[in-house]
Amino acid sequence: MNMPVWVGIVVAIIFLVAFSEWFFHLVKGWGQIVIDDVFFKYRIVGVSIFSMVIISSTFFGMAIITECPNEVREGVFAKLRCDEYLKIKAGTERIFASEENSKNQEI
């Protein structure tokens, strides 16, 4: 499904506005929790960086879950390594299949 470039730009602007508002309120909220002293600004920057790392890892996890089952990956996801994900998925499928077989045998 190909979309025009302007749709991507509009979605990116919407995301940036929503994220910047969330980020602003996060930083303002931490100002009430973190002690206001000499290291106040460093703590705010540290918490902000920590928050960005969490959000980035969330999007990376979502990318792995949604893109790894696809045989052909395009764009940013083309270099995504899915070996570990596929091993975990195969292991969980075996566990659920064995539980399902045992339930069917009991019936």
N, C-alpha and C. Protein backbone atom coordinates (compact mmCIF):
# COMPACT_ATOMS: atom_id res chain seq x y z
N MET A 1 0.85 -1.17 0.00
CA MET A 1 0.00 0.00 0.00
C MET A 1 0.90 1.24 0.00
N ASN A 2 0.91 1.95 -1.08
CA ASN A 2 1.72 3.15 -1.20
C ASN A 2 0.88 4.38 -0.89
N MET A 3 1.40 5.22 -0.03
CA MET A 3 0.72 6.45 0.31
C MET A 3 1.52 7.63 -0.22
N PRO A 4 0.84 8.74 -0.48
CA PRO A 4 1.58 9.93 -0.90
C PRO A 4 2.51 10.42 0.21
N VAL A 5 3.52 11.15 -0.19
CA VAL A 5 4.51 11.66 0.77
C VAL A 5 3.86 12.60 1.77
N TRP A 6 2.89 13.37 1.33
CA TRP A 6 2.28 14.35 2.24
C TRP A 6 1.56 13.66 3.39
N VAL A 7 1.05 12.45 3.18
CA VAL A 7 0.39 11.73 4.28
C VAL A 7 1.43 11.40 5.35
N GLY A 8 2.61 10.97 4.93
CA GLY A 8 3.67 10.68 5.89
C GLY A 8 4.12 11.92 6.63
N ILE A 9 4.18 13.05 5.93
CA ILE A 9 4.58 14.30 6.58
C ILE A 9 3.54 14.73 7.60
N VAL A 10 2.28 14.62 7.27
CA VAL A 10 1.21 15.00 8.20
C VAL A 10 1.24 14.09 9.43
N VAL A 11 1.39 12.79 9.23
CA VAL A 11 1.45 11.86 10.35
C VAL A 11 2.67 12.15 11.23
N ALA A 12 3.80 12.46 10.61
CA ALA A 12 5.01 12.79 11.38
C ALA A 12 4.82 14.06 12.20
N ILE A 13 4.16 15.07 11.63
CA ILE A 13 3.91 16.31 12.36
C ILE A 13 2.96 16.05 13.53
N ILE A 14 1.93 15.26 13.30
CA ILE A 14 0.99 14.93 14.38
C ILE A 14 1.73 14.19 15.50
N PHE A 15 2.59 13.24 15.14
CA PHE A 15 3.35 12.51 16.14
C PHE A 15 4.27 13.44 16.91
N LEU A 16 4.97 14.34 16.21
CA LEU A 16 5.90 15.24 16.88
C LEU A 16 5.17 16.19 17.83
N VAL A 17 4.01 16.68 17.43
CA VAL A 17 3.24 17.57 18.31
C VAL A 17 2.80 16.81 19.55
N ALA A 18 2.25 15.62 19.37
CA ALA A 18 1.80 14.84 20.53
C ALA A 18 2.97 14.44 21.41
N PHE A 19 4.08 14.02 20.81
CA PHE A 19 5.23 13.60 21.59
C PHE A 19 5.85 14.78 22.31
N SER A 20 5.93 15.94 21.66
CA SER A 20 6.55 17.10 22.31
C SER A 20 5.72 17.56 23.49
N GLU A 21 4.39 17.49 23.37
CA GLU A 21 3.54 17.86 24.51
C GLU A 21 3.74 16.87 25.65
N TRP A 22 3.79 15.59 25.34
CA TRP A 22 4.02 14.58 26.37
C TRP A 22 5.38 14.79 27.02
N PHE A 23 6.38 15.06 26.20
CA PHE A 23 7.73 15.26 26.70
C PHE A 23 7.81 16.50 27.59
N PHE A 24 7.14 17.57 27.19
CA PHE A 24 7.13 18.80 27.98
C PHE A 24 6.51 18.55 29.35
N HIS A 25 5.37 17.86 29.39
CA HIS A 25 4.71 17.58 30.67
C HIS A 25 5.52 16.61 31.51
N LEU A 26 6.22 15.70 30.88
CA LEU A 26 7.09 14.79 31.62
C LEU A 26 8.19 15.57 32.33
N VAL A 27 8.84 16.46 31.60
CA VAL A 27 9.92 17.24 32.19
C VAL A 27 9.39 18.17 33.28
N LYS A 28 8.26 18.80 33.04
CA LYS A 28 7.68 19.69 34.06
C LYS A 28 7.29 18.90 35.30
N GLY A 29 6.76 17.70 35.13
CA GLY A 29 6.37 16.87 36.26
C GLY A 29 7.56 16.42 37.08
N TRP A 30 8.66 16.10 36.40
CA TRP A 30 9.86 15.68 37.13
C TRP A 30 10.43 16.82 37.96
N GLY A 31 10.11 18.06 37.56
CA GLY A 31 10.58 19.20 38.34
C GLY A 31 9.99 19.22 39.73
N GLN A 32 8.83 18.63 39.93
CA GLN A 32 8.22 18.57 41.25
C GLN A 32 8.79 17.43 42.08
N ILE A 33 9.31 16.40 41.43
CA ILE A 33 9.81 15.23 42.15
C ILE A 33 11.29 15.36 42.46
N VAL A 34 12.08 15.83 41.49
CA VAL A 34 13.52 15.90 41.66
C VAL A 34 13.87 17.11 42.52
N ILE A 35 14.80 16.94 43.43
CA ILE A 35 15.21 18.01 44.31
C ILE A 35 15.88 19.12 43.50
N ASP A 36 15.48 20.36 43.78
CA ASP A 36 16.04 21.50 43.06
C ASP A 36 17.35 21.92 43.71
N ASP A 37 18.45 21.52 43.10
CA ASP A 37 19.75 21.90 43.61
C ASP A 37 20.70 22.13 42.43
N VAL A 38 21.97 22.01 42.67
CA VAL A 38 22.97 22.27 41.63
C VAL A 38 22.82 21.30 40.46
N PHE A 39 22.44 20.07 40.72
CA PHE A 39 22.37 19.03 39.69
C PHE A 39 20.97 18.89 39.09
N PHE A 40 20.08 19.84 39.37
CA PHE A 40 18.70 19.74 38.91
C PHE A 40 18.61 19.57 37.38
N LYS A 41 19.30 20.43 36.64
CA LYS A 41 19.23 20.37 35.18
C LYS A 41 19.81 19.06 34.65
N TYR A 42 20.86 18.57 35.28
CA TYR A 42 21.44 17.30 34.85
C TYR A 42 20.49 16.14 35.10
N ARG A 43 19.79 16.21 36.20
CA ARG A 43 18.82 15.14 36.49
C ARG A 43 17.67 15.17 35.50
N ILE A 44 17.21 16.35 35.15
CA ILE A 44 16.13 16.46 34.18
C ILE A 44 16.58 15.94 32.82
N VAL A 45 17.77 16.30 32.42
CA VAL A 45 18.31 15.81 31.14
C VAL A 45 18.46 14.28 31.19
N GLY A 46 18.96 13.76 32.31
CA GLY A 46 19.12 12.31 32.45
C GLY A 46 17.79 11.58 32.37
N VAL A 47 16.78 12.09 33.06
CA VAL A 47 15.47 11.46 33.01
C VAL A 47 14.87 11.58 31.62
N SER A 48 15.09 12.69 30.96
CA SER A 48 14.58 12.87 29.59
C SER A 48 15.24 11.88 28.64
N ILE A 49 16.53 11.72 28.75
CA ILE A 49 17.24 10.75 27.90
C ILE A 49 16.75 9.33 28.20
N PHE A 50 16.58 9.03 29.48
CA PHE A 50 16.06 7.72 29.88
C PHE A 50 14.68 7.49 29.27
N SER A 51 13.84 8.51 29.28
CA SER A 51 12.50 8.40 28.70
C SER A 51 12.58 8.17 27.20
N MET A 52 13.48 8.87 26.51
CA MET A 52 13.63 8.66 25.07
C MET A 52 14.14 7.26 24.75
N VAL A 53 15.00 6.73 25.59
CA VAL A 53 15.50 5.36 25.39
C VAL A 53 14.36 4.36 25.55
N ILE A 54 13.51 4.57 26.54
CA ILE A 54 12.37 3.67 26.74
C ILE A 54 11.42 3.73 25.55
N ILE A 55 11.12 4.93 25.08
CA ILE A 55 10.22 5.06 23.93
C ILE A 55 10.85 4.43 22.69
N SER A 56 12.14 4.65 22.46
CA SER A 56 12.82 4.06 21.30
C SER A 56 12.82 2.55 21.38
N SER A 57 13.08 2.01 22.56
CA SER A 57 13.08 0.55 22.70
C SER A 57 11.68 -0.02 22.52
N THR A 58 10.66 0.73 22.92
CA THR A 58 9.28 0.29 22.70
C THR A 58 8.99 0.20 21.21
N PHE A 59 9.37 1.24 20.46
CA PHE A 59 9.14 1.21 19.02
C PHE A 59 9.98 0.12 18.35
N PHE A 60 11.19 -0.12 18.84
CA PHE A 60 12.01 -1.20 18.29
C PHE A 60 11.36 -2.55 18.56
N GLY A 61 10.83 -2.74 19.76
CA GLY A 61 10.13 -3.98 20.08
C GLY A 61 8.90 -4.17 19.22
N MET A 62 8.16 -3.10 19.01
CA MET A 62 6.99 -3.18 18.14
C MET A 62 7.39 -3.52 16.71
N ALA A 63 8.51 -2.96 16.26
CA ALA A 63 8.99 -3.26 14.91
C ALA A 63 9.37 -4.73 14.78
N ILE A 64 10.02 -5.26 15.80
CA ILE A 64 10.41 -6.67 15.76
C ILE A 64 9.17 -7.56 15.71
N ILE A 65 8.20 -7.27 16.54
CA ILE A 65 7.00 -8.10 16.60
C ILE A 65 6.20 -8.03 15.31
N THR A 66 6.10 -6.85 14.71
CA THR A 66 5.27 -6.72 13.51
C THR A 66 6.01 -7.07 12.23
N GLU A 67 7.32 -6.86 12.16
CA GLU A 67 8.04 -7.06 10.91
C GLU A 67 8.74 -8.40 10.78
N CYS A 68 9.09 -9.04 11.88
CA CYS A 68 9.83 -10.30 11.79
C CYS A 68 9.05 -11.44 11.14
N PRO A 69 7.75 -11.54 11.34
CA PRO A 69 7.03 -12.63 10.65
C PRO A 69 7.03 -12.48 9.12
N ASN A 70 7.25 -11.28 8.61
CA ASN A 70 7.28 -11.07 7.16
C ASN A 70 8.57 -11.63 6.58
N GLU A 71 8.46 -12.31 5.46
CA GLU A 71 9.64 -12.84 4.79
C GLU A 71 10.44 -11.71 4.14
N VAL A 72 9.74 -10.75 3.55
CA VAL A 72 10.40 -9.65 2.86
C VAL A 72 10.16 -8.37 3.66
N ARG A 73 11.25 -7.75 4.09
CA ARG A 73 11.15 -6.49 4.83
C ARG A 73 11.74 -5.39 3.99
N GLU A 74 11.11 -4.23 4.03
CA GLU A 74 11.56 -3.12 3.19
C GLU A 74 11.92 -1.92 4.06
N GLY A 75 12.68 -1.02 3.48
CA GLY A 75 12.99 0.25 4.12
C GLY A 75 13.88 0.10 5.33
N VAL A 76 13.49 0.77 6.41
CA VAL A 76 14.27 0.77 7.64
C VAL A 76 14.37 -0.63 8.23
N PHE A 77 13.35 -1.43 8.04
CA PHE A 77 13.29 -2.76 8.65
C PHE A 77 14.04 -3.82 7.85
N ALA A 78 14.63 -3.46 6.71
CA ALA A 78 15.31 -4.44 5.87
C ALA A 78 16.49 -5.09 6.58
N LYS A 79 17.19 -4.35 7.44
CA LYS A 79 18.37 -4.89 8.13
C LYS A 79 18.03 -5.46 9.50
N LEU A 80 16.75 -5.60 9.79
CA LEU A 80 16.32 -6.10 11.09
C LEU A 80 16.66 -7.59 11.20
N ARG A 81 17.39 -7.95 12.25
CA ARG A 81 17.76 -9.36 12.48
C ARG A 81 16.70 -10.00 13.37
N CYS A 82 16.13 -11.06 12.90
CA CYS A 82 15.00 -11.67 13.60
C CYS A 82 15.29 -13.09 14.08
N ASP A 83 16.54 -13.50 14.11
CA ASP A 83 16.87 -14.88 14.48
C ASP A 83 16.38 -15.22 15.88
N GLU A 84 16.70 -14.40 16.85
CA GLU A 84 16.29 -14.68 18.24
C GLU A 84 14.77 -14.66 18.38
N TYR A 85 14.12 -13.70 17.72
CA TYR A 85 12.67 -13.63 17.78
C TYR A 85 12.03 -14.89 17.22
N LEU A 86 12.53 -15.36 16.08
CA LEU A 86 11.96 -16.55 15.46
C LEU A 86 12.22 -17.80 16.31
N LYS A 87 13.36 -17.87 17.01
CA LYS A 87 13.62 -18.99 17.91
C LYS A 87 12.63 -18.98 19.08
N ILE A 88 12.42 -17.81 19.65
CA ILE A 88 11.47 -17.70 20.77
C ILE A 88 10.06 -18.03 20.30
N LYS A 89 9.70 -17.54 19.13
CA LYS A 89 8.37 -17.81 18.60
C LYS A 89 8.16 -19.30 18.35
N ALA A 90 9.17 -19.96 17.78
CA ALA A 90 9.06 -21.40 17.51
C ALA A 90 8.95 -22.17 18.82
N GLY A 91 9.71 -21.76 19.84
CA GLY A 91 9.64 -22.43 21.14
C GLY A 91 8.29 -22.29 21.79
N THR A 92 7.72 -21.09 21.73
CA THR A 92 6.40 -20.89 22.35
C THR A 92 5.32 -21.61 21.56
N GLU A 93 5.47 -21.69 20.25
CA GLU A 93 4.48 -22.44 19.46
C GLU A 93 4.52 -23.92 19.83
N ARG A 94 5.72 -24.46 20.09
CA ARG A 94 5.82 -25.86 20.51
C ARG A 94 5.16 -26.06 21.88
N ILE A 95 5.38 -25.11 22.78
CA ILE A 95 4.78 -25.24 24.12
C ILE A 95 3.27 -25.23 24.02
N PHE A 96 2.73 -24.26 23.26
CA PHE A 96 1.28 -24.18 23.15
C PHE A 96 0.71 -25.36 22.38
N ALA A 97 1.45 -25.87 21.40
CA ALA A 97 0.97 -27.04 20.65
C ALA A 97 0.94 -28.26 21.56
N SER A 98 1.95 -28.43 22.43
CA SER A 98 1.96 -29.59 23.32
C SER A 98 0.85 -29.47 24.36
N GLU A 99 0.56 -28.28 24.84
CA GLU A 99 -0.55 -28.10 25.78
C GLU A 99 -1.87 -28.39 25.10
N GLU A 100 -2.00 -27.97 23.86
CA GLU A 100 -3.24 -28.20 23.12
C GLU A 100 -3.42 -29.70 22.85
N ASN A 101 -2.34 -30.40 22.53
CA ASN A 101 -2.41 -31.85 22.30
C ASN A 101 -2.80 -32.58 23.59
N SER A 102 -2.25 -32.16 24.72
CA SER A 102 -2.59 -32.83 25.98
C SER A 102 -4.04 -32.57 26.34
N LYS A 103 -4.56 -31.41 26.07
CA LYS A 103 -5.98 -31.12 26.33
C LYS A 103 -6.87 -31.95 25.44
N ASN A 104 -6.49 -32.13 24.17
CA ASN A 104 -7.28 -32.95 23.25
C ASN A 104 -7.25 -34.42 23.65
N GLN A 105 -6.15 -34.90 24.21
CA GLN A 105 -6.07 -36.29 24.63
C GLN A 105 -6.93 -36.54 25.87
N GLU A 106 -7.05 -35.54 26.73
CA GLU A 106 -7.88 -35.70 27.92
C GLU A 106 -9.35 -35.78 27.56
N ILE A 107 -9.74 -35.12 26.50
CA ILE A 107 -11.16 -35.11 26.10
C ILE A 107 -11.47 -36.38 25.40
